[in-house]
């Protein structure tokens, strides 16, 4: 399943309040570690064992309202939402921990 983006703050609210768990990659074009972890995030989104999870990317410079709402302070930050609540977060480009975060979306 391809990684998607939000077109607006309202779009973000609608998605995180949906039934499926959502993992969001908060990144910036100038962030080196973001470029390193991005292919890992994309690969996880294509993994069929995570088909029940929605994957999104947010450019913090383009969607600052979303970034502020979530409380992003460093990039990359990955946030897991379930039914409107942020249930887990990972700061930094750590592939093993990112995979664990995505797996947690299906287990809780």
N, C-alpha and C. Protein backbone atom coordinates (compact mmCIF):
# COMPACT_ATOMS: atom_id res chain seq x y z
N UNK A 1 0.85 -1.17 0.00
CA UNK A 1 0.00 0.00 0.00
C UNK A 1 0.90 1.24 0.00
N UNK A 2 0.68 2.16 -0.90
CA UNK A 2 1.58 3.32 -0.98
C UNK A 2 1.44 4.25 0.23
N UNK A 3 2.52 4.95 0.53
CA UNK A 3 2.50 5.96 1.58
C UNK A 3 1.76 7.17 1.05
N UNK A 4 0.86 7.73 1.88
CA UNK A 4 0.05 8.87 1.45
C UNK A 4 0.47 10.13 2.19
N UNK A 5 -0.07 11.26 1.76
CA UNK A 5 0.15 12.53 2.44
C UNK A 5 -1.20 13.15 2.78
N UNK A 6 -1.18 14.09 3.69
CA UNK A 6 -2.40 14.80 4.06
C UNK A 6 -2.50 16.08 3.25
N UNK A 7 -3.70 16.40 2.77
CA UNK A 7 -3.88 17.63 2.00
C UNK A 7 -4.21 18.81 2.91
N UNK A 8 -4.64 18.52 4.15
CA UNK A 8 -5.03 19.60 5.06
C UNK A 8 -5.07 19.07 6.49
N UNK A 9 -5.21 19.99 7.44
CA UNK A 9 -5.35 19.62 8.85
C UNK A 9 -6.63 18.81 9.06
N UNK A 10 -7.70 19.20 8.37
CA UNK A 10 -8.97 18.47 8.47
C UNK A 10 -8.82 17.04 7.96
N UNK A 11 -8.05 16.87 6.89
CA UNK A 11 -7.77 15.55 6.32
C UNK A 11 -7.04 14.69 7.38
N UNK A 12 -6.05 15.28 8.02
CA UNK A 12 -5.30 14.61 9.09
C UNK A 12 -6.24 14.14 10.20
N UNK A 13 -7.12 15.04 10.67
CA UNK A 13 -8.06 14.71 11.75
C UNK A 13 -8.98 13.55 11.34
N UNK A 14 -9.48 13.60 10.12
CA UNK A 14 -10.39 12.55 9.64
C UNK A 14 -9.68 11.20 9.60
N UNK A 15 -8.45 11.17 9.13
CA UNK A 15 -7.70 9.91 9.01
C UNK A 15 -7.38 9.33 10.39
N UNK A 16 -6.85 10.14 11.30
CA UNK A 16 -6.45 9.57 12.59
C UNK A 16 -7.66 9.15 13.43
N UNK A 17 -8.83 9.71 13.15
CA UNK A 17 -10.04 9.32 13.88
C UNK A 17 -10.77 8.15 13.23
N UNK A 18 -10.18 7.57 12.17
CA UNK A 18 -10.79 6.44 11.49
C UNK A 18 -10.58 5.14 12.25
N UNK A 19 -11.02 4.05 11.63
CA UNK A 19 -10.95 2.74 12.27
C UNK A 19 -9.57 2.09 12.20
N UNK A 20 -8.81 2.39 11.13
CA UNK A 20 -7.50 1.74 10.96
C UNK A 20 -6.42 2.47 11.76
N UNK A 21 -5.44 1.72 12.29
CA UNK A 21 -4.29 2.39 12.90
C UNK A 21 -3.49 3.12 11.82
N UNK A 22 -2.87 4.23 12.21
CA UNK A 22 -2.14 5.08 11.27
C UNK A 22 -0.74 5.34 11.81
N UNK A 23 0.28 5.12 10.97
CA UNK A 23 1.65 5.47 11.33
C UNK A 23 2.06 6.63 10.43
N UNK A 24 2.55 7.70 11.07
CA UNK A 24 2.91 8.92 10.34
C UNK A 24 4.41 9.19 10.51
N UNK A 25 5.06 9.45 9.38
CA UNK A 25 6.47 9.83 9.33
C UNK A 25 6.52 11.35 9.21
N UNK A 26 6.99 12.03 10.27
CA UNK A 26 7.20 13.48 10.22
C UNK A 26 8.64 13.72 9.81
N UNK A 27 8.83 14.42 8.69
CA UNK A 27 10.15 14.56 8.09
C UNK A 27 10.32 15.98 7.54
N UNK A 28 11.54 16.27 7.09
CA UNK A 28 11.83 17.55 6.43
C UNK A 28 12.83 17.31 5.31
N UNK A 29 12.73 18.12 4.27
CA UNK A 29 13.61 17.94 3.11
C UNK A 29 15.08 18.11 3.47
N UNK A 30 15.38 18.94 4.46
CA UNK A 30 16.76 19.24 4.86
C UNK A 30 17.32 18.25 5.89
N UNK A 31 16.53 17.25 6.28
CA UNK A 31 16.91 16.32 7.34
C UNK A 31 17.60 15.08 6.75
N UNK A 32 18.89 14.94 7.01
CA UNK A 32 19.66 13.79 6.51
C UNK A 32 19.14 12.45 7.01
N UNK A 33 18.95 12.27 8.33
CA UNK A 33 18.43 11.00 8.83
C UNK A 33 17.05 10.65 8.24
N UNK A 34 16.27 11.67 7.90
CA UNK A 34 14.95 11.42 7.29
C UNK A 34 15.11 10.72 5.94
N UNK A 35 16.12 11.15 5.18
CA UNK A 35 16.36 10.54 3.86
C UNK A 35 16.85 9.10 4.01
N UNK A 36 17.58 8.83 5.09
CA UNK A 36 18.11 7.48 5.32
C UNK A 36 16.99 6.51 5.69
N UNK A 37 16.05 6.94 6.54
CA UNK A 37 15.00 6.03 7.03
C UNK A 37 13.80 5.94 6.07
N UNK A 38 13.65 6.90 5.19
CA UNK A 38 12.49 6.93 4.30
C UNK A 38 12.29 5.63 3.51
N UNK A 39 13.34 5.05 2.90
CA UNK A 39 13.13 3.79 2.17
C UNK A 39 12.67 2.65 3.08
N UNK A 40 13.08 2.66 4.34
CA UNK A 40 12.65 1.64 5.29
C UNK A 40 11.15 1.80 5.55
N UNK A 41 10.70 3.04 5.74
CA UNK A 41 9.28 3.32 5.96
C UNK A 41 8.45 2.88 4.76
N UNK A 42 8.96 3.20 3.56
CA UNK A 42 8.27 2.82 2.31
C UNK A 42 8.17 1.29 2.20
N UNK A 43 9.24 0.60 2.55
CA UNK A 43 9.25 -0.87 2.46
C UNK A 43 8.25 -1.47 3.44
N UNK A 44 8.16 -0.90 4.65
CA UNK A 44 7.19 -1.40 5.63
C UNK A 44 5.76 -1.21 5.11
N UNK A 45 5.51 -0.10 4.40
CA UNK A 45 4.17 0.16 3.88
C UNK A 45 3.78 -0.86 2.81
N UNK A 46 4.77 -1.45 2.15
CA UNK A 46 4.52 -2.45 1.11
C UNK A 46 4.44 -3.88 1.67
N UNK A 47 4.80 -4.05 2.95
CA UNK A 47 4.81 -5.36 3.59
C UNK A 47 3.36 -5.81 3.82
N UNK A 48 2.97 -6.91 3.22
CA UNK A 48 1.59 -7.38 3.32
C UNK A 48 1.17 -7.73 4.75
N UNK A 49 2.12 -8.04 5.61
CA UNK A 49 1.75 -8.35 6.99
C UNK A 49 1.28 -7.11 7.75
N UNK A 50 1.52 -5.93 7.17
CA UNK A 50 1.06 -4.67 7.77
C UNK A 50 -0.09 -4.05 6.96
N UNK A 51 -0.82 -4.88 6.23
CA UNK A 51 -1.89 -4.38 5.35
C UNK A 51 -3.00 -3.65 6.10
N UNK A 52 -3.16 -3.92 7.39
CA UNK A 52 -4.21 -3.26 8.17
C UNK A 52 -3.82 -1.89 8.69
N UNK A 53 -2.62 -1.43 8.36
CA UNK A 53 -2.11 -0.16 8.86
C UNK A 53 -2.03 0.84 7.70
N UNK A 54 -2.39 2.10 7.97
CA UNK A 54 -2.24 3.15 6.97
C UNK A 54 -0.95 3.91 7.24
N UNK A 55 -0.22 4.23 6.18
CA UNK A 55 1.07 4.92 6.29
C UNK A 55 0.97 6.30 5.64
N UNK A 56 1.43 7.32 6.39
CA UNK A 56 1.41 8.70 5.89
C UNK A 56 2.75 9.37 6.17
N UNK A 57 3.07 10.37 5.33
CA UNK A 57 4.24 11.21 5.54
C UNK A 57 3.77 12.65 5.67
N UNK A 58 4.40 13.40 6.58
CA UNK A 58 4.10 14.81 6.76
C UNK A 58 5.40 15.59 6.69
N UNK A 59 5.50 16.47 5.69
CA UNK A 59 6.63 17.41 5.61
C UNK A 59 6.34 18.51 6.63
N UNK A 60 7.16 18.57 7.68
CA UNK A 60 6.88 19.50 8.78
C UNK A 60 6.91 20.96 8.35
N UNK A 61 7.64 21.26 7.27
CA UNK A 61 7.69 22.65 6.80
C UNK A 61 6.44 23.02 6.00
N UNK A 62 5.76 22.03 5.44
CA UNK A 62 4.55 22.29 4.66
C UNK A 62 3.28 22.18 5.50
N UNK A 63 3.30 21.34 6.51
CA UNK A 63 2.10 21.09 7.34
C UNK A 63 2.43 21.37 8.81
N UNK A 64 2.78 22.63 9.11
CA UNK A 64 3.19 22.95 10.48
C UNK A 64 2.06 22.81 11.48
N UNK A 65 0.81 23.00 11.07
CA UNK A 65 -0.31 22.86 12.00
C UNK A 65 -0.42 21.41 12.49
N UNK A 66 -0.23 20.46 11.57
CA UNK A 66 -0.27 19.04 11.97
C UNK A 66 0.91 18.74 12.90
N UNK A 67 2.10 19.21 12.56
CA UNK A 67 3.29 18.96 13.37
C UNK A 67 3.12 19.52 14.78
N UNK A 68 2.56 20.72 14.88
CA UNK A 68 2.34 21.33 16.20
C UNK A 68 1.30 20.55 16.99
N UNK A 69 0.25 20.11 16.34
CA UNK A 69 -0.82 19.34 17.00
C UNK A 69 -0.26 18.05 17.63
N UNK A 70 0.66 17.42 16.91
CA UNK A 70 1.24 16.15 17.38
C UNK A 70 2.38 16.39 18.37
N UNK A 71 2.96 17.60 18.37
CA UNK A 71 4.05 17.91 19.29
C UNK A 71 5.40 17.47 18.79
N UNK A 72 5.61 17.51 17.46
CA UNK A 72 6.88 17.09 16.87
C UNK A 72 7.96 18.11 17.20
N UNK A 73 9.08 17.63 17.76
CA UNK A 73 10.18 18.52 18.13
C UNK A 73 11.48 18.20 17.40
N UNK A 74 11.56 17.01 16.80
CA UNK A 74 12.77 16.59 16.09
C UNK A 74 12.36 15.70 14.92
N UNK A 75 13.21 15.64 13.92
CA UNK A 75 12.94 14.80 12.77
C UNK A 75 14.05 13.75 12.65
N UNK A 76 13.71 12.55 12.17
CA UNK A 76 12.34 12.11 11.91
C UNK A 76 11.63 11.71 13.21
N UNK A 77 10.34 11.92 13.23
CA UNK A 77 9.48 11.42 14.31
C UNK A 77 8.41 10.56 13.67
N UNK A 78 8.19 9.40 14.24
CA UNK A 78 7.13 8.50 13.77
C UNK A 78 6.09 8.41 14.87
N UNK A 79 4.83 8.61 14.51
CA UNK A 79 3.76 8.56 15.50
C UNK A 79 2.71 7.53 15.08
N UNK A 80 2.27 6.75 16.04
CA UNK A 80 1.21 5.75 15.82
C UNK A 80 -0.07 6.26 16.45
N UNK A 81 -1.12 6.36 15.64
CA UNK A 81 -2.43 6.79 16.11
C UNK A 81 -3.43 5.65 15.98
N UNK A 82 -4.31 5.56 16.97
CA UNK A 82 -5.41 4.61 16.92
C UNK A 82 -6.65 5.31 17.45
N UNK A 83 -7.69 5.40 16.62
CA UNK A 83 -8.97 6.03 16.99
C UNK A 83 -8.77 7.42 17.60
N UNK A 84 -7.92 8.21 16.95
CA UNK A 84 -7.73 9.60 17.34
C UNK A 84 -6.70 9.85 18.42
N UNK A 85 -6.17 8.80 19.02
CA UNK A 85 -5.19 8.95 20.10
C UNK A 85 -3.80 8.56 19.64
N UNK A 86 -2.80 9.37 20.04
CA UNK A 86 -1.41 8.98 19.77
C UNK A 86 -1.03 7.96 20.84
N UNK A 87 -0.76 6.73 20.39
CA UNK A 87 -0.48 5.65 21.33
C UNK A 87 0.99 5.31 21.44
N UNK A 88 1.80 5.77 20.49
CA UNK A 88 3.22 5.49 20.54
C UNK A 88 3.96 6.47 19.64
N UNK A 89 5.26 6.67 19.95
CA UNK A 89 6.07 7.60 19.17
C UNK A 89 7.51 7.12 19.17
N UNK A 90 8.19 7.37 18.07
CA UNK A 90 9.62 7.05 17.94
C UNK A 90 10.30 8.26 17.34
N UNK A 91 11.36 8.73 17.99
CA UNK A 91 12.14 9.85 17.45
C UNK A 91 13.49 9.29 17.02
N UNK A 92 13.86 9.56 15.76
CA UNK A 92 15.15 9.11 15.24
C UNK A 92 15.01 8.06 14.15
N UNK A 93 16.09 7.90 13.41
CA UNK A 93 16.12 6.96 12.28
C UNK A 93 16.66 5.61 12.75
N UNK A 94 15.78 4.83 13.39
CA UNK A 94 16.17 3.53 13.93
C UNK A 94 15.27 2.45 13.34
N UNK A 95 15.75 1.76 12.29
CA UNK A 95 14.92 0.82 11.53
C UNK A 95 14.26 -0.27 12.38
N UNK A 96 14.99 -0.90 13.30
CA UNK A 96 14.42 -1.99 14.10
C UNK A 96 13.27 -1.47 14.97
N UNK A 97 13.47 -0.31 15.57
CA UNK A 97 12.43 0.26 16.44
C UNK A 97 11.23 0.73 15.62
N UNK A 98 11.50 1.19 14.39
CA UNK A 98 10.39 1.59 13.52
C UNK A 98 9.54 0.38 13.17
N UNK A 99 10.18 -0.74 12.86
CA UNK A 99 9.43 -1.95 12.56
C UNK A 99 8.60 -2.39 13.77
N UNK A 100 9.17 -2.28 14.96
CA UNK A 100 8.43 -2.62 16.18
C UNK A 100 7.23 -1.71 16.37
N UNK A 101 7.40 -0.42 16.07
CA UNK A 101 6.29 0.53 16.19
C UNK A 101 5.15 0.16 15.25
N UNK A 102 5.49 -0.18 14.01
CA UNK A 102 4.48 -0.56 13.03
C UNK A 102 3.79 -1.86 13.48
N UNK A 103 4.57 -2.82 13.97
CA UNK A 103 3.99 -4.09 14.44
C UNK A 103 3.04 -3.85 15.62
N UNK A 104 3.37 -2.88 16.46
CA UNK A 104 2.52 -2.55 17.61
C UNK A 104 1.15 -2.06 17.14
N UNK A 105 1.08 -1.47 15.97
CA UNK A 105 -0.19 -0.98 15.44
C UNK A 105 -1.21 -2.12 15.30
N UNK A 106 -0.72 -3.32 15.05
CA UNK A 106 -1.60 -4.47 14.84
C UNK A 106 -1.83 -5.31 16.09
N UNK A 107 -1.03 -5.11 17.13
CA UNK A 107 -1.09 -6.01 18.29
C UNK A 107 -1.90 -5.46 19.45
N UNK A 108 -1.99 -4.15 19.59
CA UNK A 108 -2.69 -3.59 20.77
C UNK A 108 -4.18 -3.61 20.59
